[in-house]
């Protein structure tokens, strides 16, 4: 029952929002506002796509950093020790 109330409330809000947008487009100069809002929505969508791409790049970068660390530990040059002094005869 609570879910039905929530969906009813959301439906009412959506309907009210659509009505408001229609009224706004009828107001002089309102078409520019509606156009700006639509343009902003497109820009936000594009921004979300780019951010998702950055997350993938970050994961790849982390994996590469781990590989480089692993390889640099495994291929380090052997440590040099001081030569032992030769006994004098």
PDB file of N, CA and C in Angstrom:
ATOM      1  N   UNK A   1       0.819  -1.185   0.000  1.00  0.00           N
ATOM      2  CA  UNK A   1       0.000   0.000   0.000  1.00  0.00           C
ATOM      3  C   UNK A   1       0.869   1.258   0.000  1.00  0.00           C
ATOM      4  N   UNK A   2       1.976   1.216   0.769  1.00  0.00           N
ATOM      5  CA  UNK A   2       2.869   2.365   0.804  1.00  0.00           C
ATOM      6  C   UNK A   2       3.495   2.586  -0.567  1.00  0.00           C
ATOM      7  N   UNK A   3       3.769   1.493  -1.266  1.00  0.00           N
ATOM      8  CA  UNK A   3       4.343   1.596  -2.603  1.00  0.00           C
ATOM      9  C   UNK A   3       3.354   2.235  -3.564  1.00  0.00           C
ATOM     10  N   UNK A   4       2.068   1.896  -3.421  1.00  0.00           N
ATOM     11  CA  UNK A   4       1.036   2.499  -4.274  1.00  0.00           C
ATOM     12  C   UNK A   4       0.935   3.993  -4.024  1.00  0.00           C
ATOM     13  N   UNK A   5       1.057   4.399  -2.766  1.00  0.00           N
ATOM     14  CA  UNK A   5       1.014   5.831  -2.446  1.00  0.00           C
ATOM     15  C   UNK A   5       2.202   6.560  -3.056  1.00  0.00           C
ATOM     16  N   UNK A   6       3.391   5.911  -2.978  1.00  0.00           N
ATOM     17  CA  UNK A   6       4.582   6.544  -3.534  1.00  0.00           C
ATOM     18  C   UNK A   6       4.455   6.705  -5.034  1.00  0.00           C
ATOM     19  N   UNK A   7       3.992   5.647  -5.705  1.00  0.00           N
ATOM     20  CA  UNK A   7       3.877   5.754  -7.160  1.00  0.00           C
ATOM     21  C   UNK A   7       2.800   6.773  -7.530  1.00  0.00           C
ATOM     22  N   UNK A   8       1.741   6.837  -6.746  1.00  0.00           N
ATOM     23  CA  UNK A   8       0.702   7.831  -7.006  1.00  0.00           C
ATOM     24  C   UNK A   8       1.271   9.235  -6.841  1.00  0.00           C
ATOM     25  N   UNK A   9       2.060   9.430  -5.801  1.00  0.00           N
ATOM     26  CA  UNK A   9       2.671  10.733  -5.564  1.00  0.00           C
ATOM     27  C   UNK A   9       3.640  11.070  -6.691  1.00  0.00           C
ATOM     28  N   UNK A  10       4.447  10.090  -7.095  1.00  0.00           N
ATOM     29  CA  UNK A  10       5.388  10.340  -8.187  1.00  0.00           C
ATOM     30  C   UNK A  10       4.654  10.641  -9.485  1.00  0.00           C
ATOM     31  N   UNK A  11       3.577   9.924  -9.732  1.00  0.00           N
ATOM     32  CA  UNK A  11       2.789  10.186 -10.940  1.00  0.00           C
ATOM     33  C   UNK A  11       2.234  11.592 -10.927  1.00  0.00           C
ATOM     34  N   UNK A  12       1.748  12.003  -9.773  1.00  0.00           N
ATOM     35  CA  UNK A  12       1.205  13.359  -9.662  1.00  0.00           C
ATOM     36  C   UNK A  12       2.299  14.399  -9.880  1.00  0.00           C
ATOM     37  N   UNK A  13       3.489  14.142  -9.330  1.00  0.00           N
ATOM     38  CA  UNK A  13       4.592  15.090  -9.513  1.00  0.00           C
ATOM     39  C   UNK A  13       5.010  15.168 -10.978  1.00  0.00           C
ATOM     40  N   UNK A  14       5.082  14.018 -11.636  1.00  0.00           N
ATOM     41  CA  UNK A  14       5.458  14.010 -13.055  1.00  0.00           C
ATOM     42  C   UNK A  14       4.433  14.780 -13.870  1.00  0.00           C
ATOM     43  N   UNK A  15       3.163  14.526 -13.595  1.00  0.00           N
ATOM     44  CA  UNK A  15       2.120  15.240 -14.325  1.00  0.00           C
ATOM     45  C   UNK A  15       2.196  16.744 -14.088  1.00  0.00           C
ATOM     46  N   UNK A  16       2.433  17.128 -12.840  1.00  0.00           N
ATOM     47  CA  UNK A  16       2.545  18.555 -12.524  1.00  0.00           C
ATOM     48  C   UNK A  16       3.744  19.164 -13.227  1.00  0.00           C
ATOM     49  N   UNK A  17       4.854  18.424 -13.294  1.00  0.00           N
ATOM     50  CA  UNK A  17       6.033  18.932 -13.983  1.00  0.00           C
ATOM     51  C   UNK A  17       5.800  19.113 -15.464  1.00  0.00           C
ATOM     52  N   UNK A  18       5.096  18.148 -16.075  1.00  0.00           N
ATOM     53  CA  UNK A  18       4.793  18.269 -17.501  1.00  0.00           C
ATOM     54  C   UNK A  18       3.884  19.461 -17.769  1.00  0.00           C
ATOM     55  N   UNK A  19       2.914  19.655 -16.881  1.00  0.00           N
ATOM     56  CA  UNK A  19       2.025  20.817 -17.023  1.00  0.00           C
ATOM     57  C   UNK A  19       2.809  22.110 -16.914  1.00  0.00           C
ATOM     58  N   UNK A  20       3.718  22.164 -15.952  1.00  0.00           N
ATOM     59  CA  UNK A  20       4.519  23.378 -15.753  1.00  0.00           C
ATOM     60  C   UNK A  20       5.362  23.675 -16.981  1.00  0.00           C
ATOM     61  N   UNK A  21       5.941  22.640 -17.586  1.00  0.00           N
ATOM     62  CA  UNK A  21       6.767  22.850 -18.781  1.00  0.00           C
ATOM     63  C   UNK A  21       5.903  23.346 -19.936  1.00  0.00           C
ATOM     64  N   UNK A  22       4.714  22.790 -20.069  1.00  0.00           N
ATOM     65  CA  UNK A  22       3.819  23.249 -21.142  1.00  0.00           C
ATOM     66  C   UNK A  22       3.425  24.707 -20.938  1.00  0.00           C
ATOM     67  N   UNK A  23       3.113  25.058 -19.708  1.00  0.00           N
ATOM     68  CA  UNK A  23       2.746  26.454 -19.431  1.00  0.00           C
ATOM     69  C   UNK A  23       3.922  27.382 -19.672  1.00  0.00           C
ATOM     70  N   UNK A  24       5.104  26.925 -19.295  1.00  0.00           N
ATOM     71  CA  UNK A  24       6.301  27.740 -19.465  1.00  0.00           C
ATOM     72  C   UNK A  24       6.578  27.989 -20.942  1.00  0.00           C
ATOM     73  N   UNK A  25       6.331  26.995 -21.770  1.00  0.00           N
ATOM     74  CA  UNK A  25       6.586  27.181 -23.202  1.00  0.00           C
ATOM     75  C   UNK A  25       5.594  28.143 -23.836  1.00  0.00           C
ATOM     76  N   UNK A  26       4.442  28.331 -23.211  1.00  0.00           N
ATOM     77  CA  UNK A  26       3.445  29.266 -23.742  1.00  0.00           C
ATOM     78  C   UNK A  26       3.733  30.714 -23.354  1.00  0.00           C
ATOM     79  N   UNK A  27       4.526  30.921 -22.336  1.00  0.00           N
ATOM     80  CA  UNK A  27       4.870  32.261 -21.870  1.00  0.00           C
ATOM     81  C   UNK A  27       5.852  32.884 -22.858  1.00  0.00           C
ATOM     82  N   UNK A  28       5.728  34.207 -23.117  1.00  0.00           N
ATOM     83  CA  UNK A  28       6.706  34.849 -24.006  1.00  0.00           C
ATOM     84  C   UNK A  28       8.130  34.685 -23.451  1.00  0.00           C
ATOM     85  N   UNK A  29       9.009  34.203 -24.287  1.00  0.00           N
ATOM     86  CA  UNK A  29      10.389  33.964 -23.862  1.00  0.00           C
ATOM     87  C   UNK A  29      10.565  32.610 -23.198  1.00  0.00           C
ATOM     88  N   UNK A  30       9.495  31.940 -22.936  1.00  0.00           N
ATOM     89  CA  UNK A  30       9.566  30.638 -22.275  1.00  0.00           C
ATOM     90  C   UNK A  30      10.175  29.570 -23.147  1.00  0.00           C
ATOM     91  N   UNK A  31      10.027  29.726 -24.460  1.00  0.00           N
ATOM     92  CA  UNK A  31      10.605  28.727 -25.359  1.00  0.00           C
ATOM     93  C   UNK A  31      12.129  28.707 -25.257  1.00  0.00           C
ATOM     94  N   UNK A  32      12.714  29.864 -24.977  1.00  0.00           N
ATOM     95  CA  UNK A  32      14.169  29.901 -24.783  1.00  0.00           C
ATOM     96  C   UNK A  32      14.556  29.151 -23.515  1.00  0.00           C
ATOM     97  N   UNK A  33      13.754  29.301 -22.470  1.00  0.00           N
ATOM     98  CA  UNK A  33      14.046  28.601 -21.209  1.00  0.00           C
ATOM     99  C   UNK A  33      13.929  27.095 -21.417  1.00  0.00           C
ATOM    100  N   UNK A  34      12.870  26.667 -22.099  1.00  0.00           N
ATOM    101  CA  UNK A  34      12.686  25.241 -22.361  1.00  0.00           C
ATOM    102  C   UNK A  34      13.834  24.716 -23.216  1.00  0.00           C
ATOM    103  N   UNK A  35      14.244  25.474 -24.206  1.00  0.00           N
ATOM    104  CA  UNK A  35      15.372  25.065 -25.045  1.00  0.00           C
ATOM    105  C   UNK A  35      16.660  24.953 -24.249  1.00  0.00           C
ATOM    106  N   UNK A  36      16.866  25.908 -23.348  1.00  0.00           N
ATOM    107  CA  UNK A  36      18.064  25.870 -22.507  1.00  0.00           C
ATOM    108  C   UNK A  36      18.061  24.656 -21.592  1.00  0.00           C
ATOM    109  N   UNK A  37      16.907  24.363 -21.018  1.00  0.00           N
ATOM    110  CA  UNK A  37      16.804  23.199 -20.123  1.00  0.00           C
ATOM    111  C   UNK A  37      17.061  21.910 -20.903  1.00  0.00           C
ATOM    112  N   UNK A  38      16.497  21.807 -22.091  1.00  0.00           N
ATOM    113  CA  UNK A  38      16.727  20.616 -22.914  1.00  0.00           C
ATOM    114  C   UNK A  38      18.197  20.491 -23.302  1.00  0.00           C
ATOM    115  N   UNK A  39      18.817  21.605 -23.633  1.00  0.00           N
ATOM    116  CA  UNK A  39      20.238  21.607 -23.973  1.00  0.00           C
ATOM    117  C   UNK A  39      21.082  21.186 -22.762  1.00  0.00           C
ATOM    118  N   UNK A  40      20.698  21.688 -21.601  1.00  0.00           N
ATOM    119  CA  UNK A  40      21.425  21.333 -20.388  1.00  0.00           C
ATOM    120  C   UNK A  40      21.299  19.835 -20.106  1.00  0.00           C
ATOM    121  N   UNK A  41      20.127  19.270 -20.353  1.00  0.00           N
ATOM    122  CA  UNK A  41      19.932  17.837 -20.149  1.00  0.00           C
ATOM    123  C   UNK A  41      20.873  17.045 -21.050  1.00  0.00           C
ATOM    124  N   UNK A  42      21.004  17.465 -22.309  1.00  0.00           N
ATOM    125  CA  UNK A  42      21.902  16.781 -23.234  1.00  0.00           C
ATOM    126  C   UNK A  42      23.352  16.880 -22.764  1.00  0.00           C
ATOM    127  N   UNK A  43      23.718  18.037 -22.259  1.00  0.00           N
ATOM    128  CA  UNK A  43      25.088  18.229 -21.768  1.00  0.00           C
ATOM    129  C   UNK A  43      25.369  17.362 -20.551  1.00  0.00           C
ATOM    130  N   UNK A  44      24.401  17.248 -19.660  1.00  0.00           N
ATOM    131  CA  UNK A  44      24.574  16.396 -18.472  1.00  0.00           C
ATOM    132  C   UNK A  44      24.715  14.936 -18.886  1.00  0.00           C
ATOM    133  N   UNK A  45      23.929  14.507 -19.872  1.00  0.00           N
ATOM    134  CA  UNK A  45      24.048  13.137 -20.372  1.00  0.00           C
ATOM    135  C   UNK A  45      25.445  12.877 -20.926  1.00  0.00           C
ATOM    136  N   UNK A  46      25.959  13.826 -21.696  1.00  0.00           N
ATOM    137  CA  UNK A  46      27.303  13.687 -22.259  1.00  0.00           C
ATOM    138  C   UNK A  46      28.351  13.654 -21.157  1.00  0.00           C
ATOM    139  N   UNK A  47      28.178  14.484 -20.148  1.00  0.00           N
ATOM    140  CA  UNK A  47      29.107  14.512 -19.025  1.00  0.00           C
ATOM    141  C   UNK A  47      29.107  13.176 -18.289  1.00  0.00           C
ATOM    142  N   UNK A  48      27.932  12.577 -18.109  1.00  0.00           N
ATOM    143  CA  UNK A  48      27.856  11.274 -17.459  1.00  0.00           C
ATOM    144  C   UNK A  48      28.597  10.216 -18.265  1.00  0.00           C
ATOM    145  N   UNK A  49      28.452  10.236 -19.578  1.00  0.00           N
ATOM    146  CA  UNK A  49      29.167   9.273 -20.422  1.00  0.00           C
ATOM    147  C   UNK A  49      30.674   9.437 -20.271  1.00  0.00           C
ATOM    148  N   UNK A  50      31.126  10.666 -20.236  1.00  0.00           N
ATOM    149  CA  UNK A  50      32.564  10.908 -20.103  1.00  0.00           C
ATOM    150  C   UNK A  50      33.084  10.450 -18.748  1.00  0.00           C
ATOM    151  N   UNK A  51      32.330  10.700 -17.702  1.00  0.00           N
ATOM    152  CA  UNK A  51      32.762  10.297 -16.359  1.00  0.00           C
ATOM    153  C   UNK A  51      32.854   8.775 -16.277  1.00  0.00           C
ATOM    154  N   UNK A  52      31.876   8.071 -16.877  1.00  0.00           N
ATOM    155  CA  UNK A  52      31.943   6.613 -16.896  1.00  0.00           C
ATOM    156  C   UNK A  52      33.206   6.157 -17.609  1.00  0.00           C
ATOM    157  N   UNK A  53      33.585   6.847 -18.670  1.00  0.00           N
ATOM    158  CA  UNK A  53      34.819   6.512 -19.379  1.00  0.00           C
ATOM    159  C   UNK A  53      36.040   6.744 -18.516  1.00  0.00           C
ATOM    160  N   UNK A  54      36.020   7.784 -17.691  1.00  0.00           N
ATOM    161  CA  UNK A  54      37.144   8.050 -16.799  1.00  0.00           C
ATOM    162  C   UNK A  54      37.290   6.966 -15.741  1.00  0.00           C
ATOM    163  N   UNK A  55      36.178   6.430 -15.265  1.00  0.00           N
ATOM    164  CA  UNK A  55      36.237   5.354 -14.277  1.00  0.00           C
ATOM    165  C   UNK A  55      36.914   4.130 -14.871  1.00  0.00           C
ATOM    166  N   UNK A  56      36.596   3.803 -16.124  1.00  0.00           N
ATOM    167  CA  UNK A  56      37.236   2.662 -16.788  1.00  0.00           C
ATOM    168  C   UNK A  56      38.729   2.909 -16.955  1.00  0.00           C
ATOM    169  N   UNK A  57      39.087   4.121 -17.339  1.00  0.00           N
ATOM    170  CA  UNK A  57      40.510   4.443 -17.494  1.00  0.00           C
ATOM    171  C   UNK A  57      41.244   4.361 -16.161  1.00  0.00           C
ATOM    172  N   UNK A  58      40.588   4.782 -15.089  1.00  0.00           N
ATOM    173  CA  UNK A  58      41.200   4.716 -13.772  1.00  0.00           C
ATOM    174  C   UNK A  58      41.466   3.271 -13.371  1.00  0.00           C
ATOM    175  N   UNK A  59      40.531   2.384 -13.655  1.00  0.00           N
ATOM    176  CA  UNK A  59      40.719   0.961 -13.347  1.00  0.00           C
ATOM    177  C   UNK A  59      41.885   0.391 -14.140  1.00  0.00           C
ATOM    178  N   UNK A  60      41.946   0.731 -15.433  1.00  0.00           N
ATOM    179  CA  UNK A  60      43.044   0.245 -16.268  1.00  0.00           C
ATOM    180  C   UNK A  60      44.384   0.773 -15.778  1.00  0.00           C
ATOM    181  N   UNK A  61      44.414   2.047 -15.384  1.00  0.00           N
ATOM    182  CA  UNK A  61      45.645   2.645 -14.889  1.00  0.00           C
ATOM    183  C   UNK A  61      46.109   1.960 -13.612  1.00  0.00           C
ATOM    184  N   UNK A  62      45.177   1.667 -12.707  1.00  0.00           N
ATOM    185  CA  UNK A  62      45.537   0.980 -11.468  1.00  0.00           C
ATOM    186  C   UNK A  62      46.116  -0.398 -11.757  1.00  0.00           C
ATOM    187  N   UNK A  63      45.509  -1.121 -12.698  1.00  0.00           N
ATOM    188  CA  UNK A  63      46.013  -2.447 -13.053  1.00  0.00           C
ATOM    189  C   UNK A  63      47.412  -2.349 -13.639  1.00  0.00           C
ATOM    190  N   UNK A  64      47.640  -1.370 -14.501  1.00  0.00           N
ATOM    191  CA  UNK A  64      48.973  -1.186 -15.088  1.00  0.00           C
ATOM    192  C   UNK A  64      50.006  -0.801 -14.034  1.00  0.00           C
ATOM    193  N   UNK A  65      49.624   0.034 -13.085  1.00  0.00           N
ATOM    194  CA  UNK A  65      50.551   0.411 -12.020  1.00  0.00           C
ATOM    195  C   UNK A  65      50.952  -0.810 -11.194  1.00  0.00           C
ATOM    196  N   UNK A  66      49.980  -1.688 -10.903  1.00  0.00           N
ATOM    197  CA  UNK A  66      50.303  -2.910 -10.157  1.00  0.00           C
ATOM    198  C   UNK A  66      51.265  -3.790 -10.943  1.00  0.00           C
ATOM    199  N   UNK A  67      51.049  -3.898 -12.263  1.00  0.00           N
ATOM    200  CA  UNK A  67      51.942  -4.708 -13.097  1.00  0.00           C
ATOM    201  C   UNK A  67      53.354  -4.135 -13.096  1.00  0.00           C
ATOM    202  N   UNK A  68      53.456  -2.818 -13.226  1.00  0.00           N
ATOM    203  CA  UNK A  68      54.773  -2.175 -13.242  1.00  0.00           C
ATOM    204  C   UNK A  68      55.479  -2.397 -11.905  1.00  0.00           C
ATOM    205  N   UNK A  69      54.749  -2.251 -10.802  1.00  0.00           N
ATOM    206  CA  UNK A  69      55.352  -2.496  -9.491  1.00  0.00           C
ATOM    207  C   UNK A  69      55.840  -3.929  -9.371  1.00  0.00           C
ATOM    208  N   UNK A  70      55.042  -4.861  -9.836  1.00  0.00           N
ATOM    209  CA  UNK A  70      55.406  -6.278  -9.752  1.00  0.00           C
ATOM    210  C   UNK A  70      56.644  -6.553 -10.603  1.00  0.00           C
ATOM    211  N   UNK A  71      56.673  -6.017 -11.813  1.00  0.00           N
ATOM    212  CA  UNK A  71      57.825  -6.228 -12.683  1.00  0.00           C
ATOM    213  C   UNK A  71      59.081  -5.547 -12.158  1.00  0.00           C
ATOM    214  N   UNK A  72      58.932  -4.386 -11.574  1.00  0.00           N
ATOM    215  CA  UNK A  72      60.122  -3.674 -11.087  1.00  0.00           C
ATOM    216  C   UNK A  72      60.710  -4.373  -9.863  1.00  0.00           C
ATOM    217  N   UNK A  73      59.879  -5.028  -9.064  1.00  0.00           N
ATOM    218  CA  UNK A  73      60.407  -5.789  -7.924  1.00  0.00           C
ATOM    219  C   UNK A  73      61.110  -7.048  -8.391  1.00  0.00           C
ATOM    220  N   UNK A  74      60.613  -7.685  -9.422  1.00  0.00           N
ATOM    221  CA  UNK A  74      61.167  -8.953  -9.881  1.00  0.00           C
ATOM    222  C   UNK A  74      62.436  -8.815 -10.682  1.00  0.00           C
ATOM    223  N   UNK A  75      62.672  -7.685 -11.324  1.00  0.00           N
ATOM    224  CA  UNK A  75      63.824  -7.549 -12.208  1.00  0.00           C
ATOM    225  C   UNK A  75      64.874  -6.592 -11.672  1.00  0.00           C
ATOM    226  N   UNK A  76      64.874  -6.362 -10.379  1.00  0.00           N
ATOM    227  CA  UNK A  76      65.869  -5.427  -9.847  1.00  0.00           C
ATOM    228  C   UNK A  76      67.254  -6.053  -9.950  1.00  0.00           C
ATOM    229  N   UNK A  77      68.237  -5.215 -10.136  1.00  0.00           N
ATOM    230  CA  UNK A  77      69.614  -5.685 -10.265  1.00  0.00           C
ATOM    231  C   UNK A  77      70.062  -6.301  -8.948  1.00  0.00           C
ATOM    232  N   UNK A  78      70.885  -7.339  -9.031  1.00  0.00           N
ATOM    233  CA  UNK A  78      71.353  -7.961  -7.786  1.00  0.00           C
ATOM    234  C   UNK A  78      72.164  -6.966  -6.971  1.00  0.00           C
ATOM    235  N   UNK A  79      72.027  -7.082  -5.686  1.00  0.00           N
ATOM    236  CA  UNK A  79      72.756  -6.167  -4.809  1.00  0.00           C
ATOM    237  C   UNK A  79      74.235  -6.512  -4.843  1.00  0.00           C
ATOM    238  N   UNK A  80      75.045  -5.509  -4.892  1.00  0.00           N
ATOM    239  CA  UNK A  80      76.490  -5.709  -4.896  1.00  0.00           C
ATOM    240  C   UNK A  80      76.986  -5.751  -3.468  1.00  0.00           C
ATOM    241  N   UNK A  81      77.835  -6.661  -3.249  1.00  0.00           N
ATOM    242  CA  UNK A  81      78.473  -6.727  -1.939  1.00  0.00           C
ATOM    243  C   UNK A  81      79.909  -6.278  -2.099  1.00  0.00           C
ATOM    244  N   UNK A  82      80.456  -5.839  -1.015  1.00  0.00           N
ATOM    245  CA  UNK A  82      81.849  -5.404  -1.064  1.00  0.00           C
ATOM    246  C   UNK A  82      82.718  -6.641  -1.255  1.00  0.00           C
ATOM    247  N   UNK A  83      83.716  -6.534  -2.096  1.00  0.00           N
ATOM    248  CA  UNK A  83      84.589  -7.694  -2.291  1.00  0.00           C
ATOM    249  C   UNK A  83      85.335  -8.012  -0.994  1.00  0.00           C
ATOM    250  N   UNK A  84      85.458  -9.290  -0.750  1.00  0.00           N
ATOM    251  CA  UNK A  84      86.179  -9.692   0.454  1.00  0.00           C
ATOM    252  C   UNK A  84      87.660  -9.414   0.252  1.00  0.00           C
ATOM    253  N   UNK A  85      88.286  -8.914   1.273  1.00  0.00           N
ATOM    254  CA  UNK A  85      89.730  -8.671   1.117  1.00  0.00           C
ATOM    255  C   UNK A  85      90.472  -9.992   1.008  1.00  0.00           C
ATOM    256  N   UNK A  86      91.422 -10.007   0.105  1.00  0.00           N
ATOM    257  CA  UNK A  86      92.225 -11.215  -0.091  1.00  0.00           C
ATOM    258  C   UNK A  86      93.265 -11.291   1.035  1.00  0.00           C
ATOM    259  N   UNK A  87      93.404 -12.466   1.561  1.00  0.00           N
ATOM    260  CA  UNK A  87      94.423 -12.589   2.625  1.00  0.00           C
ATOM    261  C   UNK A  87      95.827 -12.379   2.061  1.00  0.00           C
ATOM    262  N   UNK A  88      96.619 -11.712   2.795  1.00  0.00           N
ATOM    263  CA  UNK A  88      97.996 -11.459   2.367  1.00  0.00           C
ATOM    264  C   UNK A  88      98.811 -12.715   2.610  1.00  0.00           C
ATOM    265  N   UNK A  89      99.576 -13.033   1.656  1.00  0.00           N
ATOM    266  CA  UNK A  89     100.386 -14.237   1.795  1.00  0.00           C
ATOM    267  C   UNK A  89     101.705 -14.006   2.396  1.00  0.00           C
TER     268      UNK A  89
END
